[in-house]
C-alpha atoms as a PDB file:
ATOM      1  CA  MET A   1     -18.216  -6.163 -38.745  1.00  0.00           C
ATOM      2  CA  ALA A   2     -15.677  -4.456 -36.495  1.00  0.00           C
ATOM      3  CA  LYS A   3     -12.688  -6.444 -35.325  1.00  0.00           C
ATOM      4  CA  ILE A   4     -13.092  -7.504 -31.733  1.00  0.00           C
ATOM      5  CA  LEU A   5     -10.007  -8.325 -29.713  1.00  0.00           C
ATOM      6  CA  ARG A   6      -9.185 -10.451 -26.708  1.00  0.00           C
ATOM      7  CA  ARG A   7      -6.099 -10.580 -24.530  1.00  0.00           C
ATOM      8  CA  ALA A   8      -4.222 -13.751 -25.334  1.00  0.00           C
ATOM      9  CA  LYS A   9      -4.154 -16.321 -22.528  1.00  0.00           C
ATOM     10  CA  ASP A  10      -1.818 -19.147 -21.613  1.00  0.00           C
ATOM     11  CA  GLY A  11      -2.880 -22.666 -20.641  1.00  0.00           C
ATOM     12  CA  CYS A  12      -3.707 -21.475 -17.107  1.00  0.00           C
ATOM     13  CA  ALA A  13      -5.917 -18.641 -18.416  1.00  0.00           C
ATOM     14  CA  ASP A  14      -3.354 -15.993 -17.424  1.00  0.00           C
ATOM     15  CA  ASP A  15      -2.752 -12.999 -19.697  1.00  0.00           C
ATOM     16  CA  ILE A  16       0.431 -13.273 -21.723  1.00  0.00           C
ATOM     17  CA  LYS A  17       3.001 -10.561 -22.340  1.00  0.00           C
ATOM     18  CA  VAL A  18       6.078 -10.085 -24.506  1.00  0.00           C
ATOM     19  CA  CYS A  19       8.633  -7.602 -23.185  1.00  0.00           C
ATOM     20  CA  GLY A  20       6.120  -6.609 -20.511  1.00  0.00           C
ATOM     21  CA  ILE A  21       3.481  -5.688 -23.121  1.00  0.00           C
ATOM     22  CA  TYR A  22       0.108  -7.469 -23.271  1.00  0.00           C
ATOM     23  CA  VAL A  23      -0.665  -9.599 -26.327  1.00  0.00           C
ATOM     24  CA  TYR A  24      -4.039  -9.444 -28.121  1.00  0.00           C
ATOM     25  CA  HIS A  25      -5.605 -11.433 -30.935  1.00  0.00           C
ATOM     26  CA  VAL A  26      -8.789 -11.165 -32.974  1.00  0.00           C
ATOM     27  CA  PHE A  27     -11.499 -13.084 -31.145  1.00  0.00           C
ATOM     28  CA  GLU A  28     -14.995 -12.835 -32.499  1.00  0.00           C
ATOM     29  CA  PRO A  29     -17.744 -12.701 -31.356  1.00  0.00           C
ATOM     30  CA  LEU A  30     -17.207 -13.009 -27.587  1.00  0.00           C
ATOM     31  CA  ALA A  31     -14.573 -10.374 -26.743  1.00  0.00           C
ATOM     32  CA  THR A  32     -15.262  -6.866 -25.489  1.00  0.00           C
ATOM     33  CA  THR A  33     -12.021  -5.044 -26.358  1.00  0.00           C
ATOM     34  CA  ARG A  34     -12.182  -3.030 -29.569  1.00  0.00           C
ATOM     35  CA  MET A  35      -9.302  -2.051 -31.882  1.00  0.00           C
ATOM     36  CA  SER A  36      -9.318   1.504 -30.525  1.00  0.00           C
ATOM     37  CA  ALA A  37      -8.275   0.124 -27.115  1.00  0.00           C
ATOM     38  CA  LEU A  38      -4.815  -0.635 -28.503  1.00  0.00           C
ATOM     39  CA  GLY A  39      -4.044   3.010 -29.247  1.00  0.00           C
ATOM     40  CA  ALA A  40      -1.771   4.167 -32.043  1.00  0.00           C
ATOM     41  CA  LEU A  41       0.277   1.811 -34.194  1.00  0.00           C
ATOM     42  CA  LYS A  42       3.978   1.931 -33.291  1.00  0.00           C
ATOM     43  CA  ASP A  43       7.070   1.092 -35.321  1.00  0.00           C
ATOM     44  CA  THR A  44       7.944  -2.547 -34.557  1.00  0.00           C
ATOM     45  CA  ASP A  45      11.297  -2.292 -36.352  1.00  0.00           C
ATOM     46  CA  ALA A  46      12.296   0.693 -34.205  1.00  0.00           C
ATOM     47  CA  PHE A  47      11.275  -1.240 -31.076  1.00  0.00           C
ATOM     48  CA  ILE A  48      13.439  -4.191 -32.129  1.00  0.00           C
ATOM     49  CA  CYS A  49      16.382  -1.888 -32.898  1.00  0.00           C
ATOM     50  CA  SER A  50      16.011  -0.250 -29.478  1.00  0.00           C
ATOM     51  CA  ARG A  51      16.721  -3.625 -27.833  1.00  0.00           C
ATOM     52  CA  GLY A  52      20.432  -3.352 -28.725  1.00  0.00           C
ATOM     53  CA  LEU A  53      20.637  -6.466 -30.900  1.00  0.00           C
ATOM     54  CA  GLU A  54      23.175  -7.319 -33.572  1.00  0.00           C
ATOM     55  CA  PRO A  55      21.806  -7.040 -37.155  1.00  0.00           C
ATOM     56  CA  ASN A  56      21.599 -10.847 -37.602  1.00  0.00           C
ATOM     57  CA  ASP A  57      19.750 -11.174 -34.298  1.00  0.00           C
ATOM     58  CA  GLN A  58      17.401  -8.342 -35.285  1.00  0.00           C
ATOM     59  CA  GLN A  59      16.446 -10.311 -38.398  1.00  0.00           C
ATOM     60  CA  LEU A  60      15.739 -13.441 -36.338  1.00  0.00           C
ATOM     61  CA  VAL A  61      13.426 -11.398 -34.092  1.00  0.00           C
ATOM     62  CA  LYS A  62      11.713  -9.745 -37.076  1.00  0.00           C
ATOM     63  CA  ASN A  63      11.068 -13.178 -38.601  1.00  0.00           C
ATOM     64  CA  MET A  64       9.571 -14.372 -35.301  1.00  0.00           C
ATOM     65  CA  LEU A  65       7.318 -11.287 -35.091  1.00  0.00           C
ATOM     66  CA  VAL A  66       6.175 -11.332 -38.720  1.00  0.00           C
ATOM     67  CA  ASP A  67       2.515 -11.718 -37.625  1.00  0.00           C
ATOM     68  CA  TRP A  68       2.790  -9.201 -34.762  1.00  0.00           C
ATOM     69  CA  GLN A  69       2.019  -5.471 -34.789  1.00  0.00           C
ATOM     70  CA  LEU A  70       3.030  -3.197 -31.918  1.00  0.00           C
ATOM     71  CA  TYR A  71       0.535  -0.633 -30.638  1.00  0.00           C
ATOM     72  CA  GLU A  72       0.646   1.835 -27.758  1.00  0.00           C
ATOM     73  CA  HIS A  73      -1.133  -0.549 -25.400  1.00  0.00           C
ATOM     74  CA  GLY A  74      -0.264  -3.998 -26.687  1.00  0.00           C
ATOM     75  CA  TRP A  75       0.873  -6.419 -29.338  1.00  0.00           C
ATOM     76  CA  LEU A  76      -1.699  -7.562 -31.911  1.00  0.00           C
ATOM     77  CA  VAL A  77      -1.160 -11.014 -33.428  1.00  0.00           C
ATOM     78  CA  THR A  78      -2.902 -11.414 -36.776  1.00  0.00           C
ATOM     79  CA  THR A  79      -3.242 -13.950 -39.554  1.00  0.00           C
ATOM     80  CA  GLY A  80      -3.224 -13.290 -43.268  1.00  0.00           C
ATOM     81  CA  GLU A  81      -6.268 -13.478 -45.521  1.00  0.00           C
ATOM     82  CA  SER A  82      -5.832 -17.238 -45.560  1.00  0.00           C
ATOM     83  CA  GLY A  83      -6.485 -17.311 -41.815  1.00  0.00           C
ATOM     84  CA  ARG A  84      -3.040 -18.809 -41.196  1.00  0.00           C
ATOM     85  CA  PHE A  85      -0.010 -17.448 -39.392  1.00  0.00           C
ATOM     86  CA  ARG A  86       3.194 -16.942 -41.336  1.00  0.00           C
ATOM     87  CA  ASN A  87       5.119 -17.820 -38.154  1.00  0.00           C
ATOM     88  CA  GLU A  88       3.023 -19.142 -35.275  1.00  0.00           C
ATOM     89  CA  THR A  89       5.978 -20.217 -33.108  1.00  0.00           C
ATOM     90  CA  LEU A  90       5.946 -17.375 -30.558  1.00  0.00           C
ATOM     91  CA  PHE A  91       2.151 -17.123 -30.236  1.00  0.00           C
ATOM     92  CA  TYR A  92       1.756 -20.872 -29.791  1.00  0.00           C
ATOM     93  CA  TYR A  93       4.640 -20.964 -27.304  1.00  0.00           C
ATOM     94  CA  LYS A  94       3.236 -18.140 -25.164  1.00  0.00           C
ATOM     95  CA  CYS A  95      -0.295 -19.616 -25.289  1.00  0.00           C
ATOM     96  CA  GLN A  96       1.081 -23.096 -24.511  1.00  0.00           C
ATOM     97  CA  MET A  97      -0.728 -24.618 -27.474  1.00  0.00           C
ATOM     98  CA  GLY A  98      -0.013 -28.285 -28.106  1.00  0.00           C
ATOM     99  CA  ASP A  99       3.555 -29.143 -27.276  1.00  0.00           C
ATOM    100  CA  CYS A 100       4.805 -25.739 -28.520  1.00  0.00           C
ATOM    101  CA  GLY A 101       4.942 -24.586 -24.891  1.00  0.00           C
ATOM    102  CA  LYS A 102       7.937 -26.860 -24.368  1.00  0.00           C
ATOM    103  CA  TYR A 103      10.123 -25.123 -26.941  1.00  0.00           C
ATOM    104  CA  ARG A 104      11.062 -21.517 -26.172  1.00  0.00           C
ATOM    105  CA  PRO A 105      11.982 -19.665 -29.383  1.00  0.00           C
ATOM    106  CA  VAL A 106      15.637 -18.590 -29.461  1.00  0.00           C
ATOM    107  CA  ALA A 107      14.577 -15.222 -30.882  1.00  0.00           C
ATOM    108  CA  LEU A 108      12.418 -14.616 -27.794  1.00  0.00           C
ATOM    109  CA  ASP A 109      15.505 -14.857 -25.609  1.00  0.00           C
ATOM    110  CA  LEU A 110      17.201 -12.336 -27.899  1.00  0.00           C
ATOM    111  CA  LEU A 111      14.234  -9.972 -27.694  1.00  0.00           C
ATOM    112  CA  GLU A 112      13.670 -10.173 -23.947  1.00  0.00           C
ATOM    113  CA  SER A 113      17.341 -10.298 -22.909  1.00  0.00           C
ATOM    114  CA  PRO A 114      19.137  -8.056 -25.388  1.00  0.00           C
ATOM    115  CA  ALA A 115      22.894  -7.610 -25.351  1.00  0.00           C
ATOM    116  CA  LYS A 116      24.215  -4.460 -23.708  1.00  0.00           C
ATOM    117  CA  VAL A 117      24.782  -1.608 -26.137  1.00  0.00           C
ATOM    118  CA  GLU A 118      28.281  -0.204 -25.717  1.00  0.00           C
ATOM    119  CA  LYS A 119      28.484   3.563 -25.474  1.00  0.00           C
END
């Protein structure tokens, strides 16, 4: 069966984004977006490096995004074969699941508000 995707939603049913990029997750069987809609896989590490973060901060962001893959047209959040996230913090925060919506991940601030790169 082909993977079927859905744009991730917050508690008010609004689409969620990270760094201005829509977030998707596997949602079977009701979704209509197919994997091909995401476009080509991009280099997540290069994207993180382009944000102008210090090496320690880059590692914090990479740890937060361990379940996330960056594509041309969106982020894809996946689980392992066990069906569990390795780090659900960001996805649960953005989707406002449980009381996770109260606690903004520090690494998200680093990712969305990177330090200025000196030239």
